[in-house]
Each structure stands twice: as structure tokens, then as C-alpha cells.
Amino acid sequence: TRDSINSYTLDCLAQTAAAAALRAGDWFEKTRQKIIATRERVQSELSSMGFIVLPSSANFVFASHPSYDAAQLASSLRSAGLLVRHFKMDRIDQFLRISIGTDDEMNILIDSLAEILDYNKV
């Protein structure tokens, strides 16, 4: 509808790139497997830090920590230069949507979360 906004739109260039990626079968499969492996590692590391991580087959995970406010975690990460999505909606307002990036990017996220959680311990 007119009042709806899709924050994940794809322009013509992105659609063309996606179509080319799908045609490059070997590259696509290798990249897909890398994303899956990174996602599984991130899910495991977040779980070991006390996060509740919902099952995911996507290029992102939903994670919540029972002892920390999701909005505050998102704000702390933003202050460190890292962007995660926080939704101010019932049922998911205590979850972060964390996009899966490169291994280096995810290491930075995990390290930053470890620092934030350790810093806030009483």
C-alpha cells in the first residue's frame, strides 16, 4: 500500500547482479556455503555468550539476551560503529536482527558484544 515502506528494496542494478550471481553456479554455491558456515558459527558464539538465538536459514539471525535490553545493546553497538537492526514491535522488541557478514566483520561484532556484556557486568 501507499503507506507501506519496504526497507529492503532492490534496485535494477541489485537485481541484475543477483541474476548474474545465480547464473554463476559454482561461485553462488561456494558463497552460499560460506554464509551458512559463518551463520552457524555466529549462532554458536552468541549462544555461548548467553544469547537466545532463533533458528535461521537466512543471511541473518534474531538474537536476544535475557539479561540485557536489546535497544541498549543496539545503541552500544552503534556507538562502536556497528549496525544491527532493533525493532520496536511487540514480541520482537527484545531481539536484534544481525546480518551475516564476512568472518572478519562477524569477529568484530562478537568481540564488541563480549566487551559490552563484560563492561556491564555487576
C-alpha atoms as a PDB file:
ATOM      1  CA  THR A   1       0.000   0.000   0.000  1.00  0.00           C
ATOM      2  CA  ARG A   2       0.893   3.617  -0.236  1.00  0.00           C
ATOM      3  CA  ASP A   3       1.628   3.829   3.479  1.00  0.00           C
ATOM      4  CA  SER A   4       3.958   0.823   3.462  1.00  0.00           C
ATOM      5  CA  ILE A   5       7.692   1.136   3.104  1.00  0.00           C
ATOM      6  CA  ASN A   6       9.881  -1.796   2.179  1.00  0.00           C
ATOM      7  CA  SER A   7      13.249  -1.081   3.768  1.00  0.00           C
ATOM      8  CA  TYR A   8      14.838  -3.932   1.810  1.00  0.00           C
ATOM      9  CA  THR A   9      14.114  -2.799  -1.742  1.00  0.00           C
ATOM     10  CA  LEU A  10      16.194  -3.949  -4.690  1.00  0.00           C
ATOM     11  CA  ASP A  11      17.006  -1.534  -7.472  1.00  0.00           C
ATOM     12  CA  CYS A  12      17.684  -2.567 -11.070  1.00  0.00           C
ATOM     13  CA  LEU A  13      21.441  -2.827 -10.507  1.00  0.00           C
ATOM     14  CA  ALA A  14      20.996  -5.120  -7.488  1.00  0.00           C
ATOM     15  CA  GLN A  15      18.539  -7.300  -9.405  1.00  0.00           C
ATOM     16  CA  THR A  16      20.956  -7.564 -12.341  1.00  0.00           C
ATOM     17  CA  ALA A  17      23.804  -8.518 -10.003  1.00  0.00           C
ATOM     18  CA  ALA A  18      21.618 -11.122  -8.286  1.00  0.00           C
ATOM     19  CA  ALA A  19      20.637 -12.657 -11.627  1.00  0.00           C
ATOM     20  CA  ALA A  20      24.309 -12.835 -12.658  1.00  0.00           C
ATOM     21  CA  ALA A  21      25.219 -14.471  -9.339  1.00  0.00           C
ATOM     22  CA  LEU A  22      22.552 -17.116  -9.834  1.00  0.00           C
ATOM     23  CA  ARG A  23      23.939 -17.866 -13.300  1.00  0.00           C
ATOM     24  CA  ALA A  24      27.454 -18.295 -11.842  1.00  0.00           C
ATOM     25  CA  GLY A  25      26.532 -21.585 -10.174  1.00  0.00           C
ATOM     26  CA  ASP A  26      29.918 -22.516  -8.674  1.00  0.00           C
ATOM     27  CA  TRP A  27      30.502 -19.068  -7.230  1.00  0.00           C
ATOM     28  CA  PHE A  28      26.939 -18.892  -5.926  1.00  0.00           C
ATOM     29  CA  GLU A  29      27.160 -22.278  -4.181  1.00  0.00           C
ATOM     30  CA  LYS A  30      30.575 -21.514  -2.669  1.00  0.00           C
ATOM     31  CA  THR A  31      29.296 -18.168  -1.362  1.00  0.00           C
ATOM     32  CA  ARG A  32      26.095 -19.749  -0.031  1.00  0.00           C
ATOM     33  CA  GLN A  33      28.070 -22.394   1.875  1.00  0.00           C
ATOM     34  CA  LYS A  34      30.370 -19.714   3.325  1.00  0.00           C
ATOM     35  CA  ILE A  35      27.366 -17.714   4.580  1.00  0.00           C
ATOM     36  CA  ILE A  36      25.850 -20.848   6.125  1.00  0.00           C
ATOM     37  CA  ALA A  37      29.117 -21.734   7.896  1.00  0.00           C
ATOM     38  CA  THR A  38      29.562 -18.181   9.187  1.00  0.00           C
ATOM     39  CA  ARG A  39      25.918 -18.026  10.338  1.00  0.00           C
ATOM     40  CA  GLU A  40      26.278 -21.313  12.231  1.00  0.00           C
ATOM     41  CA  ARG A  41      29.487 -20.128  13.899  1.00  0.00           C
ATOM     42  CA  VAL A  42      27.877 -16.824  14.912  1.00  0.00           C
ATOM     43  CA  GLN A  43      24.815 -18.630  16.278  1.00  0.00           C
ATOM     44  CA  SER A  44      27.091 -20.860  18.355  1.00  0.00           C
ATOM     45  CA  GLU A  45      29.202 -17.988  19.663  1.00  0.00           C
ATOM     46  CA  LEU A  46      26.155 -15.884  20.536  1.00  0.00           C
ATOM     47  CA  SER A  47      24.600 -18.860  22.345  1.00  0.00           C
ATOM     48  CA  SER A  48      27.794 -19.372  24.341  1.00  0.00           C
ATOM     49  CA  MET A  49      27.537 -15.723  25.435  1.00  0.00           C
ATOM     50  CA  GLY A  50      24.043 -16.348  26.825  1.00  0.00           C
ATOM     51  CA  PHE A  51      22.007 -15.132  23.849  1.00  0.00           C
ATOM     52  CA  ILE A  52      18.827 -16.863  22.780  1.00  0.00           C
ATOM     53  CA  VAL A  53      19.272 -17.319  19.030  1.00  0.00           C
ATOM     54  CA  LEU A  54      16.283 -18.323  16.951  1.00  0.00           C
ATOM     55  CA  PRO A  55      16.822 -20.940  14.232  1.00  0.00           C
ATOM     56  CA  SER A  56      17.652 -19.307  10.900  1.00  0.00           C
ATOM     57  CA  SER A  57      18.032 -20.342   7.287  1.00  0.00           C
ATOM     58  CA  ALA A  58      18.571 -16.762   6.151  1.00  0.00           C
ATOM     59  CA  ASN A  59      21.548 -14.410   5.920  1.00  0.00           C
ATOM     60  CA  PHE A  60      20.707 -13.027   9.361  1.00  0.00           C
ATOM     61  CA  VAL A  61      19.918 -14.220  12.869  1.00  0.00           C
ATOM     62  CA  PHE A  62      17.489 -12.998  15.509  1.00  0.00           C
ATOM     63  CA  ALA A  63      19.142 -12.927  18.928  1.00  0.00           C
ATOM     64  CA  SER A  64      18.043 -11.821  22.381  1.00  0.00           C
ATOM     65  CA  HIS A  65      19.914 -11.762  25.675  1.00  0.00           C
ATOM     66  CA  PRO A  66      17.816 -12.432  28.791  1.00  0.00           C
ATOM     67  CA  SER A  67      19.906 -10.045  30.918  1.00  0.00           C
ATOM     68  CA  TYR A  68      20.289  -7.113  28.516  1.00  0.00           C
ATOM     69  CA  ASP A  69      17.868  -4.760  26.818  1.00  0.00           C
ATOM     70  CA  ALA A  70      18.015  -5.163  23.030  1.00  0.00           C
ATOM     71  CA  ALA A  71      17.616  -1.437  22.366  1.00  0.00           C
ATOM     72  CA  GLN A  72      20.551  -0.691  24.669  1.00  0.00           C
ATOM     73  CA  LEU A  73      22.684  -3.372  23.031  1.00  0.00           C
ATOM     74  CA  ALA A  74      21.878  -1.920  19.597  1.00  0.00           C
ATOM     75  CA  SER A  75      22.788   1.550  20.861  1.00  0.00           C
ATOM     76  CA  SER A  76      26.073   0.328  22.348  1.00  0.00           C
ATOM     77  CA  LEU A  77      26.954  -1.433  19.104  1.00  0.00           C
ATOM     78  CA  ARG A  78      26.058   1.694  17.126  1.00  0.00           C
ATOM     79  CA  SER A  79      28.432   3.694  19.336  1.00  0.00           C
ATOM     80  CA  ALA A  80      31.139   1.198  18.362  1.00  0.00           C
ATOM     81  CA  GLY A  81      30.338   1.737  14.676  1.00  0.00           C
ATOM     82  CA  LEU A  82      28.360  -1.488  14.229  1.00  0.00           C
ATOM     83  CA  LEU A  83      24.808  -1.526  12.934  1.00  0.00           C
ATOM     84  CA  VAL A  84      22.269  -4.172  13.864  1.00  0.00           C
ATOM     85  CA  ARG A  85      18.525  -3.888  13.496  1.00  0.00           C
ATOM     86  CA  HIS A  86      16.298  -3.408  16.535  1.00  0.00           C
ATOM     87  CA  PHE A  87      12.534  -3.498  16.024  1.00  0.00           C
ATOM     88  CA  LYS A  88      10.260  -1.591  18.392  1.00  0.00           C
ATOM     89  CA  MET A  89       7.445  -4.086  17.924  1.00  0.00           C
ATOM     90  CA  ASP A  90       5.658  -6.354  20.380  1.00  0.00           C
ATOM     91  CA  ARG A  91       7.058  -9.888  20.558  1.00  0.00           C
ATOM     92  CA  ILE A  92      10.385  -8.962  18.906  1.00  0.00           C
ATOM     93  CA  ASP A  93      11.339  -5.791  20.799  1.00  0.00           C
ATOM     94  CA  GLN A  94      13.972  -7.709  22.782  1.00  0.00           C
ATOM     95  CA  PHE A  95      15.611  -9.187  19.691  1.00  0.00           C
ATOM     96  CA  LEU A  96      18.356  -7.923  17.426  1.00  0.00           C
ATOM     97  CA  ARG A  97      18.423  -8.754  13.730  1.00  0.00           C
ATOM     98  CA  ILE A  98      22.072  -9.407  12.972  1.00  0.00           C
ATOM     99  CA  SER A  99      23.028  -9.653   9.306  1.00  0.00           C
ATOM    100  CA  ILE A 100      25.707 -12.196   8.483  1.00  0.00           C
ATOM    101  CA  GLY A 101      28.780 -10.542   7.004  1.00  0.00           C
ATOM    102  CA  THR A 102      32.317 -11.685   6.372  1.00  0.00           C
ATOM    103  CA  ASP A 103      34.169 -13.676   9.007  1.00  0.00           C
ATOM    104  CA  ASP A 104      36.208 -10.574   9.881  1.00  0.00           C
ATOM    105  CA  GLU A 105      33.055  -8.464  10.270  1.00  0.00           C
ATOM    106  CA  MET A 106      31.410 -11.087  12.443  1.00  0.00           C
ATOM    107  CA  ASN A 107      34.544 -11.407  14.598  1.00  0.00           C
ATOM    108  CA  ILE A 108      34.382  -7.663  15.234  1.00  0.00           C
ATOM    109  CA  LEU A 109      30.709  -7.962  16.195  1.00  0.00           C
ATOM    110  CA  ILE A 110      31.329 -10.903  18.552  1.00  0.00           C
ATOM    111  CA  ASP A 111      34.318  -9.159  20.164  1.00  0.00           C
ATOM    112  CA  SER A 112      32.305  -5.956  20.590  1.00  0.00           C
ATOM    113  CA  LEU A 113      29.385  -7.800  22.160  1.00  0.00           C
ATOM    114  CA  ALA A 114      31.776  -9.580  24.530  1.00  0.00           C
ATOM    115  CA  GLU A 115      33.199  -6.212  25.605  1.00  0.00           C
ATOM    116  CA  ILE A 116      29.725  -4.702  26.063  1.00  0.00           C
ATOM    117  CA  LEU A 117      28.470  -7.656  28.109  1.00  0.00           C
ATOM    118  CA  ASP A 118      31.637  -7.755  30.231  1.00  0.00           C
ATOM    119  CA  TYR A 119      31.594  -3.971  30.747  1.00  0.00           C
ATOM    120  CA  ASN A 120      28.018  -4.101  32.016  1.00  0.00           C
ATOM    121  CA  LYS A 121      28.550  -6.965  34.477  1.00  0.00           C
ATOM    122  CA  VAL A 122      27.874  -6.064  38.079  1.00  0.00           C
END
